Amino acid sequence: KLTNYFAMSSLSTPTVETSQANTIEASDSTQTVGALSSNIQPTADAFDTDDDHSGQHESTAEQAETEQKHETGSKFNDFKEHSDLENWPITVDNDFIQNYLMQDIGFFQNKKPDDVYTESSRVYKEQNRCFSNKYFEKRLKNGQTVMISWLVYSKSKGCIYCFVCKLFSKCQTSLTTGGFSDWMYVLRTLENHEDSVEHKSAMLCWITRKSNKNTVDQQLEEQMRKTVQYYFEVLKRVVAVIKFLSERGLAFRGHEEKWGSPNNGNFMGAIELIAEFDPFLHEHLEKCKNEKVNATYLSKPVYEELIKIMGKHVQDEIVNQINNLDTKYYSIIVDCTPDLTHVDQLTQEKPEYKRIAKNLNHKLVKLEYAILTVVWEEVLERFNKISKKLQTPGCDVFEGYLLLSSLLSFVKELRENSADRIAHYESEAKGLCEDITSSYSDASKRIVTRKLSDGTSGIASLKGADKFRIEVLYQLYDCLIIQLRKQIDPYEQIAKRFKFLSDLVNNSEIDEDSIKLIISYYKNDIDRQIVNECYQFKEYMDLRKSQNTEENTPSKMQCADVLQLIC
């Protein structure tokens, strides 16, 4: 993707393992270092030597402290310019190595001019031994004295390291991990380490990289930088062409996408025109024609993605300018060019939405749809009134049962009289809108009469108003009746059980069947004496009514008051 490609930082370099880098660079510069053995194989991973026997004197506490320094990423900045190898992380990366390639030998060795290394003092058989400057030198067989350039001293721990193996070798020895401090065997240890294949491979990498002053990562980075710069110049010209065509409202594509064709469109034509006077773009265009490049960045997906990015940037800029305005009111002037079909280009109407709208309009103008609108208006109006009455404060369960029962009777009446009311529904539906069709949608269909197996004619299939009444209205009313019965059943059971309470309030005759029903239902709580209690309470209510009549006070009691008085 174009965006992901250019979002990648030019400073990021691919990770190259140390052993692989050593192998590549060592093989390219074997002739440069003639002093080393020609049989050296620069693969430090091929050897797995144990530590020298002198490393047995190292304490486990120091090893635990060394293992805690394995986090290279978080501690790299602290030891970037530190010459004490004790503070180096165990695992070093390529950036860490590149930082120390710029330093000379004296930066690492920490050599003291006074030859006093008190922190390196060790006691062996009641004899005090310590490090000395003489260990930095080596006498050859011809009597010549040379400096051991790879040996460094750690002032914080008082031990010695091989910094070359620390950087380029994966061999785990005391000179690379914990530090060497067994001064009784120091000469033999240094000699054995210098003759090891791992050390020679590390020295070869050190000398090679110091002489070249360049790495494989740097070469890859330079190649990446040149590639990015190359395609940046290509895209700069592509963006200029996009801006030119967009400002003038010109089309980008033509009848074919072929370089050199007069019908390849404005975009490819503009690129070819610029290439005649631009050597860089001319060379790139020739590579594209000869298919010498994998990514041309001149194709349709590239400039379409650039158009989206540039359009989003322009939109965000317009929104920011509007948000920064001090006034709350502003005006926008929009200009457009009509095409051959005389359709305003600012109207963004998708064909799918247009098709859906046409289908919906075709259904709305049908006579059946209009009749259903009239029927539902009649039904829902009654339902709405009953619903509001049921939600009125003070409406008891008996009144609710009567309201729902009346609603059920209303729906049943509509179903029974639907054959007579269908003509009324049709006239009401046709008056809703002028576009409503005057006949049913199946009016033009042929009536099919099925023949039975014995040769007689069966019942003819329904059509028009009869079909709509039976297949639509009857199903509608039946569904409403079923749902209303489910709602009425709980109210009906409660009303039958507690009907005697309503009789007491309404001054009507007491329904003993209702009392017997509640006795049978609550047989563990109510006995038959409740019948006499109800008659006694009835006399009390009559007496209370007569007193209230004389005093001109209301005598009506709610069911809740009756229950409270009984209890």
Protein backbone atom coordinates (compact mmCIF):
# COMPACT_ATOMS: atom_id res chain seq x y z
CA LYS A 1 0.00 0.00 0.00
CA LEU A 2 1.17 3.48 -0.82
CA THR A 3 0.38 4.95 2.59
CA ASN A 4 2.07 2.13 4.52
CA TYR A 5 5.14 2.30 2.30
CA PHE A 6 5.83 6.00 2.80
CA ALA A 7 4.85 5.90 6.47
CA MET A 8 7.83 3.62 7.08
CA SER A 9 10.72 5.55 8.65
CA SER A 10 13.81 5.87 6.53
CA LEU A 11 15.95 5.48 9.64
CA SER A 12 14.65 2.03 10.46
CA THR A 13 17.09 -0.67 9.47
CA PRO A 14 16.45 -4.39 9.15
CA THR A 15 17.68 -6.55 11.98
CA VAL A 16 20.72 -8.57 11.10
CA GLU A 17 22.05 -11.09 13.57
CA THR A 18 25.62 -10.69 14.63
CA SER A 19 26.71 -14.10 13.45
CA GLN A 20 25.28 -13.52 9.95
CA ALA A 21 26.85 -10.07 9.71
CA ASN A 22 30.17 -11.53 10.79
CA THR A 23 30.00 -14.20 8.13
CA ILE A 24 29.19 -11.76 5.31
CA GLU A 25 31.72 -9.13 6.22
CA ALA A 26 34.44 -11.57 7.12
CA SER A 27 34.15 -13.41 3.79
CA ASP A 28 34.42 -10.12 1.86
CA SER A 29 37.62 -8.99 3.50
CA THR A 30 39.69 -12.06 4.20
CA GLN A 31 42.52 -10.69 2.10
CA THR A 32 42.64 -7.51 4.20
CA VAL A 33 43.77 -9.30 7.31
CA GLY A 34 46.69 -11.43 6.31
CA ALA A 35 48.06 -11.92 9.75
CA LEU A 36 45.22 -14.19 10.76
CA SER A 37 45.00 -17.82 9.85
CA SER A 38 43.39 -18.67 6.50
CA ASN A 39 41.60 -21.62 8.07
CA ILE A 40 39.44 -19.39 10.27
CA GLN A 41 35.71 -19.99 9.77
CA PRO A 42 33.82 -16.86 10.89
CA THR A 43 30.90 -18.66 12.47
CA ALA A 44 30.95 -18.25 16.19
CA ASP A 45 27.84 -20.39 16.59
CA ALA A 46 29.71 -23.51 15.48
CA PHE A 47 31.65 -23.66 18.76
CA ASP A 48 30.36 -24.13 22.27
CA THR A 49 33.37 -24.06 24.56
CA ASP A 50 33.19 -24.16 28.30
CA ASP A 51 34.67 -21.51 30.55
CA ASP A 52 38.29 -21.77 31.61
CA HIS A 53 38.99 -23.67 34.78
CA SER A 54 39.89 -20.41 36.44
CA GLY A 55 36.25 -19.29 36.18
CA GLN A 56 35.46 -21.69 39.04
CA HIS A 57 36.46 -18.97 41.48
CA GLU A 58 33.60 -16.66 40.39
CA SER A 59 30.81 -16.31 42.93
CA THR A 60 27.18 -17.14 42.22
CA ALA A 61 26.16 -13.69 43.45
CA GLU A 62 28.15 -12.06 40.65
CA GLN A 63 26.55 -14.35 38.08
CA ALA A 64 23.07 -13.46 39.31
CA GLU A 65 23.94 -9.78 39.10
CA THR A 66 25.19 -10.28 35.54
CA GLU A 67 22.00 -12.06 34.46
CA GLN A 68 19.93 -9.08 35.51
CA LYS A 69 21.60 -6.99 32.77
CA HIS A 70 20.04 -8.98 29.95
CA GLU A 71 17.61 -6.21 29.04
CA THR A 72 19.52 -4.51 26.27
CA GLY A 73 16.83 -2.17 25.01
CA SER A 74 16.11 -0.37 28.28
CA LYS A 75 19.77 0.00 29.38
CA PHE A 76 21.37 0.86 26.06
CA ASN A 77 21.05 4.60 26.54
CA ASP A 78 22.71 4.46 29.99
CA PHE A 79 25.86 2.65 28.71
CA LYS A 80 26.07 4.21 25.27
CA GLU A 81 29.40 5.92 25.95
CA HIS A 82 30.55 3.80 28.90
CA SER A 83 33.94 2.15 28.71
CA ASP A 84 33.43 -0.26 31.61
CA LEU A 85 32.34 -3.63 30.17
CA GLU A 86 30.83 -4.65 33.49
CA ASN A 87 28.03 -2.21 32.75
CA TRP A 88 27.41 -3.55 29.26
CA PRO A 89 24.36 -5.72 28.61
CA ILE A 90 24.94 -9.40 27.91
CA THR A 91 23.16 -9.34 24.54
CA VAL A 92 24.24 -6.52 22.23
CA ASP A 93 22.49 -5.46 19.04
CA ASN A 94 23.80 -3.94 15.85
CA ASP A 95 23.20 -0.34 16.95
CA PHE A 96 25.20 -0.98 20.10
CA ILE A 97 28.11 -2.41 18.08
CA GLN A 98 28.02 0.44 15.59
CA ASN A 99 28.32 2.97 18.41
CA TYR A 100 31.57 1.42 19.70
CA LEU A 101 33.13 0.94 16.27
CA MET A 102 33.87 4.66 16.31
CA GLN A 103 36.04 4.36 19.47
CA ASP A 104 39.76 3.56 19.63
CA ILE A 105 41.44 0.90 21.76
CA GLY A 106 42.35 3.27 24.57
CA PHE A 107 38.69 4.00 25.20
CA PHE A 108 38.09 0.41 26.35
CA GLN A 109 41.29 -0.65 28.14
CA ASN A 110 41.06 1.65 31.18
CA LYS A 111 44.82 1.36 31.60
CA LYS A 112 46.24 3.11 34.67
CA PRO A 113 49.60 4.91 34.29
CA ASP A 114 50.57 4.30 37.93
CA ASP A 115 49.96 0.54 37.55
CA VAL A 116 47.86 0.44 40.74
CA TYR A 117 44.81 -1.82 40.46
CA THR A 118 43.69 -2.15 44.09
CA GLU A 119 40.12 -3.19 43.18
CA SER A 120 41.51 -6.29 41.41
CA SER A 121 43.24 -7.64 44.50
CA ARG A 122 42.65 -11.37 45.11
CA VAL A 123 44.09 -13.62 47.87
CA TYR A 124 45.58 -16.98 46.86
CA LYS A 125 47.05 -19.16 49.63
CA GLU A 126 47.70 -16.15 51.89
CA GLN A 127 49.33 -14.34 48.97
CA ASN A 128 47.79 -11.15 47.53
CA ARG A 129 47.67 -10.97 43.74
CA CYS A 130 46.30 -8.20 41.51
CA PHE A 131 46.19 -7.11 37.90
CA SER A 132 49.15 -5.29 36.33
CA ASN A 133 49.92 -3.31 33.16
CA LYS A 134 52.27 -6.05 32.04
CA TYR A 135 49.28 -8.18 31.13
CA PHE A 136 48.40 -5.63 28.41
CA GLU A 137 51.61 -6.65 26.58
CA LYS A 138 52.78 -9.84 24.94
CA ARG A 139 56.30 -10.95 24.07
CA LEU A 140 56.72 -12.71 20.73
CA LYS A 141 59.25 -15.45 19.98
CA ASN A 142 61.51 -12.99 18.22
CA GLY A 143 61.68 -10.90 21.40
CA GLN A 144 59.39 -8.15 20.18
CA THR A 145 56.77 -6.81 22.60
CA VAL A 146 53.31 -6.02 21.23
CA MET A 147 50.15 -4.71 22.90
CA ILE A 148 47.14 -6.96 23.42
CA SER A 149 44.55 -4.66 21.87
CA TRP A 150 41.51 -6.75 22.71
CA LEU A 151 42.12 -6.90 26.49
CA VAL A 152 40.25 -4.38 28.67
CA TYR A 153 40.05 -3.81 32.41
CA SER A 154 36.84 -3.27 34.40
CA LYS A 155 37.35 -0.71 37.15
CA SER A 156 34.05 -1.45 38.89
CA LYS A 157 34.57 -5.21 39.23
CA GLY A 158 38.37 -5.49 39.13
CA CYS A 159 38.49 -8.09 36.37
CA ILE A 160 39.40 -8.27 32.67
CA TYR A 161 37.35 -8.83 29.50
CA CYS A 162 37.80 -9.41 25.79
CA PHE A 163 35.69 -6.61 24.36
CA VAL A 164 35.98 -7.97 20.79
CA CYS A 165 34.39 -11.28 21.75
CA LYS A 166 31.86 -9.37 23.81
CA LEU A 167 30.72 -7.58 20.66
CA PHE A 168 31.03 -10.23 17.94
CA SER A 169 31.11 -13.67 19.56
CA LYS A 170 28.39 -15.75 21.11
CA CYS A 171 30.85 -17.94 22.99
CA GLN A 172 30.14 -17.88 26.74
CA THR A 173 33.44 -17.65 28.62
CA SER A 174 34.63 -15.77 31.67
CA LEU A 175 36.29 -13.18 29.42
CA THR A 176 32.93 -12.33 27.79
CA THR A 177 30.30 -12.81 30.49
CA GLY A 178 31.34 -12.55 34.14
CA GLY A 179 34.89 -11.25 33.79
CA PHE A 180 38.21 -13.03 34.53
CA SER A 181 40.09 -12.39 37.80
CA ASP A 182 42.12 -15.54 38.51
CA TRP A 183 45.55 -13.86 38.34
CA MET A 184 47.40 -17.12 39.04
CA TYR A 185 46.44 -18.45 35.61
CA VAL A 186 46.01 -15.19 33.74
CA LEU A 187 48.85 -15.67 31.21
CA ARG A 188 47.77 -19.16 30.24
CA THR A 189 44.13 -18.08 29.96
CA LEU A 190 44.97 -15.11 27.73
CA GLU A 191 47.13 -17.27 25.48
CA ASN A 192 44.47 -19.97 25.13
CA HIS A 193 41.77 -17.41 24.44
CA GLU A 194 43.82 -15.66 21.77
CA ASP A 195 44.45 -18.95 19.97
CA SER A 196 40.76 -19.98 20.00
CA VAL A 197 38.83 -20.01 16.75
CA GLU A 198 35.99 -17.97 18.25
CA HIS A 199 38.33 -15.14 19.21
CA LYS A 200 39.96 -15.10 15.78
CA SER A 201 36.54 -14.89 14.12
CA ALA A 202 35.58 -11.99 16.36
CA MET A 203 38.87 -10.19 15.64
CA LEU A 204 38.33 -10.67 11.91
CA CYS A 205 34.90 -9.03 12.18
CA TRP A 206 36.30 -6.17 14.26
CA ILE A 207 39.13 -5.40 11.84
CA THR A 208 36.86 -5.72 8.81
CA ARG A 209 34.21 -3.39 10.11
CA LYS A 210 36.77 -0.90 11.38
CA SER A 211 38.47 -0.80 7.99
CA ASN A 212 35.26 -0.54 5.97
CA LYS A 213 33.54 1.80 8.45
CA ASN A 214 30.29 0.53 7.00
CA THR A 215 27.79 -2.22 7.72
CA VAL A 216 25.33 -4.26 5.76
CA ASP A 217 22.55 -2.42 7.57
CA GLN A 218 23.94 0.92 6.46
CA GLN A 219 24.11 -0.28 2.88
CA LEU A 220 20.52 -1.48 3.06
CA GLU A 221 19.51 1.80 4.65
CA GLU A 222 21.22 3.77 1.91
CA GLN A 223 19.53 1.65 -0.73
CA MET A 224 16.19 2.15 0.99
CA ARG A 225 16.76 5.90 1.17
CA LYS A 226 17.54 6.10 -2.55
CA THR A 227 14.44 4.03 -3.38
CA VAL A 228 12.22 6.22 -1.24
CA GLN A 229 13.67 9.38 -2.77
CA TYR A 230 13.21 7.95 -6.27
CA TYR A 231 9.51 7.20 -5.81
CA PHE A 232 9.04 10.45 -3.93
CA GLU A 233 10.06 12.28 -7.09
CA VAL A 234 7.66 10.12 -9.10
CA LEU A 235 4.75 10.80 -6.77
CA LYS A 236 5.52 14.52 -6.70
CA ARG A 237 4.83 14.64 -10.43
CA VAL A 238 1.76 12.42 -10.08
CA VAL A 239 0.29 14.74 -7.43
CA ALA A 240 0.91 17.75 -9.68
CA VAL A 241 -1.04 16.09 -12.51
CA ILE A 242 -3.88 15.16 -10.13
CA LYS A 243 -4.17 18.76 -8.91
CA PHE A 244 -4.17 20.07 -12.49
CA LEU A 245 -6.95 17.75 -13.67
CA SER A 246 -9.04 18.11 -10.50
CA GLU A 247 -9.01 21.91 -10.55
CA ARG A 248 -10.40 21.90 -14.09
CA GLY A 249 -12.92 19.10 -13.58
CA LEU A 250 -11.37 16.88 -16.26
CA ALA A 251 -11.74 13.13 -16.47
CA PHE A 252 -8.72 11.00 -15.57
CA ARG A 253 -9.27 7.77 -17.47
CA GLY A 254 -9.80 7.14 -21.16
CA HIS A 255 -11.04 4.26 -23.26
CA GLU A 256 -7.86 2.25 -22.72
CA GLU A 257 -4.88 2.27 -20.35
CA LYS A 258 -1.95 1.93 -22.71
CA TRP A 259 1.09 4.16 -22.91
CA GLY A 260 1.40 5.92 -26.24
CA SER A 261 -2.26 5.56 -27.16
CA PRO A 262 -4.23 8.76 -27.99
CA ASN A 263 -7.22 7.30 -26.10
CA ASN A 264 -5.46 6.59 -22.80
CA GLY A 265 -7.09 9.51 -20.97
CA ASN A 266 -6.02 12.86 -19.55
CA PHE A 267 -3.89 11.46 -16.71
CA MET A 268 -1.66 9.21 -18.79
CA GLY A 269 -1.54 11.84 -21.52
CA ALA A 270 -0.35 14.51 -19.07
CA ILE A 271 2.32 12.15 -17.72
CA GLU A 272 3.57 11.52 -21.26
CA LEU A 273 3.62 15.25 -21.97
CA ILE A 274 5.71 16.01 -18.88
CA ALA A 275 8.06 13.11 -19.71
CA GLU A 276 9.01 14.79 -23.00
CA PHE A 277 10.67 17.63 -21.06
CA ASP A 278 11.58 15.86 -17.80
CA PRO A 279 14.52 13.41 -18.13
CA PHE A 280 13.76 11.75 -14.79
CA LEU A 281 10.12 11.01 -15.64
CA HIS A 282 11.10 10.04 -19.19
CA GLU A 283 13.52 7.41 -17.85
CA HIS A 284 10.93 6.12 -15.38
CA LEU A 285 8.30 5.93 -18.11
CA GLU A 286 10.65 3.92 -20.33
CA LYS A 287 11.19 1.46 -17.47
CA CYS A 288 7.43 1.14 -17.09
CA LYS A 289 6.97 0.44 -20.79
CA ASN A 290 9.73 -2.18 -20.76
CA GLU A 291 8.45 -3.67 -17.48
CA LYS A 292 11.79 -3.15 -15.74
CA VAL A 293 10.21 -1.93 -12.50
CA ASN A 294 7.76 -3.77 -10.27
CA ALA A 295 6.05 -0.66 -8.89
CA THR A 296 5.32 2.13 -11.37
CA TYR A 297 3.05 4.30 -9.15
CA LEU A 298 1.36 5.52 -12.33
CA SER A 299 -1.59 3.13 -12.34
CA LYS A 300 -5.25 3.77 -11.58
CA PRO A 301 -5.29 2.46 -7.96
CA VAL A 302 -2.42 4.78 -7.00
CA TYR A 303 -3.93 8.05 -8.17
CA GLU A 304 -7.37 7.02 -6.91
CA GLU A 305 -5.90 6.52 -3.44
CA LEU A 306 -4.10 9.85 -3.72
CA ILE A 307 -7.37 11.55 -4.70
CA LYS A 308 -9.03 10.14 -1.56
CA ILE A 309 -6.16 11.30 0.65
CA MET A 310 -6.10 14.78 -0.89
CA GLY A 311 -9.89 15.07 -0.76
CA LYS A 312 -9.94 14.08 2.91
CA HIS A 313 -7.26 16.68 3.63
CA VAL A 314 -9.25 19.40 1.84
CA GLN A 315 -12.42 18.41 3.69
CA ASP A 316 -10.67 18.52 7.07
CA GLU A 317 -9.21 21.92 6.25
CA ILE A 318 -12.66 23.30 5.33
CA VAL A 319 -14.15 21.92 8.55
CA ASN A 320 -11.34 23.45 10.62
CA GLN A 321 -11.85 26.83 9.00
CA ILE A 322 -15.60 26.68 9.68
CA ASN A 323 -15.01 25.66 13.30
CA ASN A 324 -12.61 28.56 13.80
CA LEU A 325 -15.11 31.14 12.58
CA ASP A 326 -16.31 33.63 15.18
CA THR A 327 -19.76 33.93 13.63
CA LYS A 328 -22.38 31.22 13.89
CA TYR A 329 -23.76 31.80 10.39
CA TYR A 330 -21.91 31.33 7.14
CA SER A 331 -22.71 30.74 3.48
CA ILE A 332 -21.38 28.11 1.09
CA ILE A 333 -21.38 28.55 -2.69
CA VAL A 334 -21.33 25.30 -4.66
CA ASP A 335 -20.94 25.07 -8.42
CA CYS A 336 -21.50 22.02 -10.58
CA THR A 337 -21.57 21.12 -14.26
CA PRO A 338 -24.57 19.10 -15.60
CA ASP A 339 -23.77 16.14 -17.80
CA LEU A 340 -25.47 14.93 -20.97
CA THR A 341 -28.42 13.51 -19.02
CA HIS A 342 -29.13 16.94 -17.49
CA VAL A 343 -28.85 15.52 -13.98
CA ASP A 344 -27.37 17.68 -11.27
CA GLN A 345 -24.01 16.20 -10.27
CA LEU A 346 -24.45 17.32 -6.67
CA THR A 347 -27.29 14.84 -6.18
CA GLN A 348 -25.70 11.63 -4.97
CA GLU A 349 -28.46 9.10 -5.54
CA LYS A 350 -27.35 5.51 -5.65
CA PRO A 351 -29.18 3.21 -8.09
CA GLU A 352 -29.90 0.75 -5.29
CA TYR A 353 -31.75 3.36 -3.25
CA LYS A 354 -33.66 4.52 -6.30
CA ARG A 355 -34.81 0.96 -7.01
CA ILE A 356 -35.92 0.47 -3.40
CA ALA A 357 -37.88 3.75 -3.47
CA LYS A 358 -39.67 2.75 -6.67
CA ASN A 359 -40.65 -0.64 -5.26
CA LEU A 360 -41.93 0.99 -2.07
CA ASN A 361 -43.99 3.52 -4.03
CA HIS A 362 -45.45 0.72 -6.16
CA LYS A 363 -46.68 -1.02 -3.00
CA LEU A 364 -48.06 2.14 -1.39
CA VAL A 365 -50.39 2.97 -4.30
CA LYS A 366 -52.02 -0.47 -4.29
CA LEU A 367 -55.68 -0.60 -3.22
CA GLU A 368 -54.97 -3.42 -0.75
CA TYR A 369 -52.37 -1.31 1.08
CA ALA A 370 -54.77 1.64 1.30
CA ILE A 371 -57.59 -0.58 2.66
CA LEU A 372 -55.27 -1.91 5.35
CA THR A 373 -54.45 1.67 6.31
CA VAL A 374 -58.17 2.41 6.82
CA VAL A 375 -58.78 -0.83 8.75
CA TRP A 376 -55.82 -0.30 11.07
CA GLU A 377 -56.89 3.27 11.73
CA GLU A 378 -60.32 2.05 12.88
CA VAL A 379 -58.89 -0.73 15.04
CA LEU A 380 -56.01 1.19 16.60
CA GLU A 381 -58.22 4.15 17.46
CA ARG A 382 -60.40 1.92 19.67
CA PHE A 383 -57.34 0.18 21.11
CA ASN A 384 -55.81 3.53 22.00
CA LYS A 385 -58.90 4.69 23.90
CA ILE A 386 -59.15 1.43 25.86
CA SER A 387 -55.43 1.55 26.67
CA LYS A 388 -55.68 5.09 28.05
CA LYS A 389 -58.73 4.12 30.13
CA LEU A 390 -56.90 1.14 31.62
CA GLN A 391 -54.03 3.41 32.66
CA THR A 392 -56.36 5.86 34.42
CA PRO A 393 -55.76 6.00 38.22
CA GLY A 394 -58.61 4.37 40.16
CA CYS A 395 -59.52 1.85 37.46
CA ASP A 396 -60.07 -1.47 39.27
CA VAL A 397 -59.74 -4.99 37.93
CA PHE A 398 -63.48 -5.40 37.32
CA GLU A 399 -63.64 -2.30 35.17
CA GLY A 400 -60.54 -3.41 33.29
CA TYR A 401 -62.13 -6.77 32.62
CA LEU A 402 -65.22 -5.10 31.20
CA LEU A 403 -63.14 -2.78 29.00
CA LEU A 404 -61.11 -5.62 27.52
CA SER A 405 -64.25 -7.68 27.00
CA SER A 406 -65.86 -4.81 25.11
CA LEU A 407 -62.74 -4.52 22.94
CA LEU A 408 -62.91 -8.23 22.16
CA SER A 409 -66.57 -7.90 21.20
CA PHE A 410 -65.69 -4.97 18.93
CA VAL A 411 -63.08 -7.01 17.02
CA LYS A 412 -65.46 -9.96 16.68
CA GLU A 413 -68.12 -7.65 15.30
CA LEU A 414 -65.67 -6.30 12.72
CA ARG A 415 -64.87 -9.82 11.59
CA GLU A 416 -68.50 -10.84 11.28
CA ASN A 417 -69.45 -7.71 9.33
CA SER A 418 -66.30 -7.57 7.17
CA ALA A 419 -68.23 -8.70 4.07
CA ASP A 420 -70.62 -5.78 4.41
CA ARG A 421 -67.92 -3.24 5.34
CA ILE A 422 -65.47 -4.08 2.55
CA ALA A 423 -67.21 -1.65 0.18
CA HIS A 424 -66.95 1.12 2.79
CA TYR A 425 -63.24 0.36 3.21
CA GLU A 426 -62.68 0.60 -0.55
CA SER A 427 -64.32 4.01 -0.83
CA GLU A 428 -62.36 5.33 2.15
CA ALA A 429 -59.09 3.97 0.71
CA LYS A 430 -59.58 5.52 -2.73
CA GLY A 431 -60.14 8.90 -1.12
CA LEU A 432 -56.73 8.87 0.59
CA CYS A 433 -54.74 9.70 -2.53
CA GLU A 434 -55.31 10.22 -6.24
CA ASP A 435 -52.62 7.69 -7.14
CA ILE A 436 -54.39 4.79 -5.40
CA THR A 437 -55.38 2.12 -7.91
CA SER A 438 -59.11 1.62 -8.49
CA SER A 439 -58.99 -2.18 -8.52
CA TYR A 440 -57.20 -5.01 -6.78
CA SER A 441 -53.83 -6.14 -8.06
CA ASP A 442 -55.18 -9.55 -9.11
CA ALA A 443 -58.21 -8.19 -10.99
CA SER A 444 -56.67 -8.89 -14.39
CA LYS A 445 -55.75 -12.47 -13.55
CA ARG A 446 -57.75 -15.35 -14.99
CA ILE A 447 -60.01 -17.28 -12.61
CA VAL A 448 -58.77 -20.85 -12.30
CA THR A 449 -61.28 -23.58 -11.45
CA ARG A 450 -59.72 -26.80 -10.30
CA LYS A 451 -61.13 -30.05 -11.64
CA LEU A 452 -61.50 -33.05 -9.39
CA SER A 453 -60.44 -36.58 -10.27
CA ASP A 454 -64.02 -37.66 -11.03
CA GLY A 455 -64.34 -34.97 -13.71
CA THR A 456 -66.48 -32.56 -11.70
CA SER A 457 -65.47 -28.95 -11.21
CA GLY A 458 -64.16 -27.91 -7.83
CA ILE A 459 -64.39 -24.61 -6.03
CA ALA A 460 -63.08 -21.69 -8.05
CA SER A 461 -60.13 -19.79 -6.63
CA LEU A 462 -60.90 -16.52 -4.90
CA LYS A 463 -60.25 -13.16 -6.48
CA GLY A 464 -60.48 -9.47 -5.73
CA ALA A 465 -62.40 -8.34 -2.64
CA ASP A 466 -63.32 -11.86 -1.52
CA LYS A 467 -59.72 -12.99 -1.60
CA PHE A 468 -58.57 -9.90 0.30
CA ARG A 469 -61.31 -10.29 2.91
CA ILE A 470 -60.68 -13.98 3.57
CA GLU A 471 -56.91 -14.18 3.23
CA VAL A 472 -56.01 -10.81 4.81
CA LEU A 473 -58.78 -9.32 6.95
CA TYR A 474 -59.87 -12.59 8.54
CA GLN A 475 -56.29 -13.41 9.49
CA LEU A 476 -55.83 -9.92 10.92
CA TYR A 477 -58.98 -10.13 13.07
CA ASP A 478 -58.26 -13.71 14.18
CA CYS A 479 -54.79 -12.73 15.36
CA LEU A 480 -56.22 -9.81 17.35
CA ILE A 481 -58.90 -12.03 18.92
CA ILE A 482 -56.34 -14.62 20.02
CA GLN A 483 -54.08 -12.02 21.60
CA LEU A 484 -56.99 -10.29 23.37
CA ARG A 485 -58.17 -13.57 24.85
CA LYS A 486 -54.71 -14.15 26.30
CA GLN A 487 -54.90 -10.73 27.94
CA ILE A 488 -58.49 -11.17 29.21
CA ASP A 489 -58.11 -14.63 30.80
CA PRO A 490 -56.26 -13.43 33.96
CA TYR A 491 -58.75 -10.57 34.46
CA GLU A 492 -61.69 -12.94 33.98
CA GLN A 493 -60.47 -15.37 36.63
CA ILE A 494 -59.94 -12.60 39.16
CA ALA A 495 -63.30 -11.01 38.36
CA LYS A 496 -65.20 -14.28 38.88
CA ARG A 497 -63.52 -14.97 42.22
CA PHE A 498 -64.00 -11.49 43.68
CA LYS A 499 -67.31 -10.56 42.02
CA PHE A 500 -69.07 -10.50 45.39
CA LEU A 501 -66.92 -7.52 46.43
CA SER A 502 -68.17 -5.57 43.46
CA ASP A 503 -71.76 -6.50 44.40
CA LEU A 504 -71.22 -5.11 47.87
CA VAL A 505 -69.98 -1.80 46.51
CA ASN A 506 -72.61 -1.46 43.78
CA ASN A 507 -75.55 -2.28 46.13
CA SER A 508 -76.60 -5.22 44.00
CA GLU A 509 -77.57 -8.72 45.08
CA ILE A 510 -74.69 -10.78 46.42
CA ASP A 511 -73.55 -13.51 44.04
CA GLU A 512 -73.19 -16.59 46.25
CA ASP A 513 -71.61 -18.53 43.38
CA SER A 514 -68.70 -16.08 43.41
CA ILE A 515 -68.30 -16.59 47.16
CA LYS A 516 -68.34 -20.37 46.76
CA LEU A 517 -65.74 -20.09 43.99
CA ILE A 518 -63.32 -18.13 46.15
CA ILE A 519 -63.92 -20.53 49.06
CA SER A 520 -62.97 -23.48 46.86
CA TYR A 521 -59.90 -21.69 45.55
CA TYR A 522 -58.66 -20.47 48.96
CA LYS A 523 -59.96 -23.41 51.00
CA ASN A 524 -57.08 -23.26 53.46
CA ASP A 525 -57.69 -19.58 54.25
CA ILE A 526 -61.46 -18.96 53.94
CA ASP A 527 -64.34 -20.94 55.45
CA ARG A 528 -68.07 -20.89 54.70
CA GLN A 529 -68.80 -18.30 57.36
CA ILE A 530 -67.76 -15.64 54.87
CA VAL A 531 -71.26 -15.90 53.34
CA ASN A 532 -72.91 -14.69 56.55
CA GLU A 533 -70.22 -12.05 56.95
CA CYS A 534 -70.95 -10.72 53.48
CA TYR A 535 -74.69 -10.41 54.24
CA GLN A 536 -73.90 -8.70 57.50
CA PHE A 537 -71.55 -6.33 55.69
CA LYS A 538 -74.26 -5.70 53.12
CA GLU A 539 -76.60 -4.50 55.88
CA TYR A 540 -73.81 -2.28 57.18
CA MET A 541 -73.37 -0.74 53.76
CA ASP A 542 -77.11 -0.06 53.42
CA LEU A 543 -77.16 1.60 56.84
CA ARG A 544 -74.09 3.67 55.94
CA LYS A 545 -75.73 4.73 52.71
CA SER A 546 -78.85 5.94 54.47
CA GLN A 547 -76.78 7.94 56.95
CA ASN A 548 -74.72 9.53 54.19
CA THR A 549 -77.89 10.43 52.35
CA GLU A 550 -79.20 12.33 55.33
CA GLU A 551 -75.83 14.08 55.80
CA ASN A 552 -75.38 14.74 52.06
CA THR A 553 -71.95 13.00 52.00
CA PRO A 554 -70.72 10.61 49.30
CA SER A 555 -71.33 6.98 50.06
CA LYS A 556 -69.33 5.30 47.31
CA MET A 557 -66.53 2.96 48.46
CA GLN A 558 -63.83 1.43 46.36
CA CYS A 559 -62.97 -2.28 46.42
CA ALA A 560 -59.76 -1.53 48.31
CA ASP A 561 -61.80 0.19 51.06
CA VAL A 562 -64.08 -2.82 51.28
CA LEU A 563 -61.15 -5.22 51.65
CA GLN A 564 -59.56 -3.02 54.32
CA LEU A 565 -62.81 -2.91 56.27
CA ILE A 566 -63.29 -6.69 56.10
CA CYS A 567 -59.74 -7.41 57.20
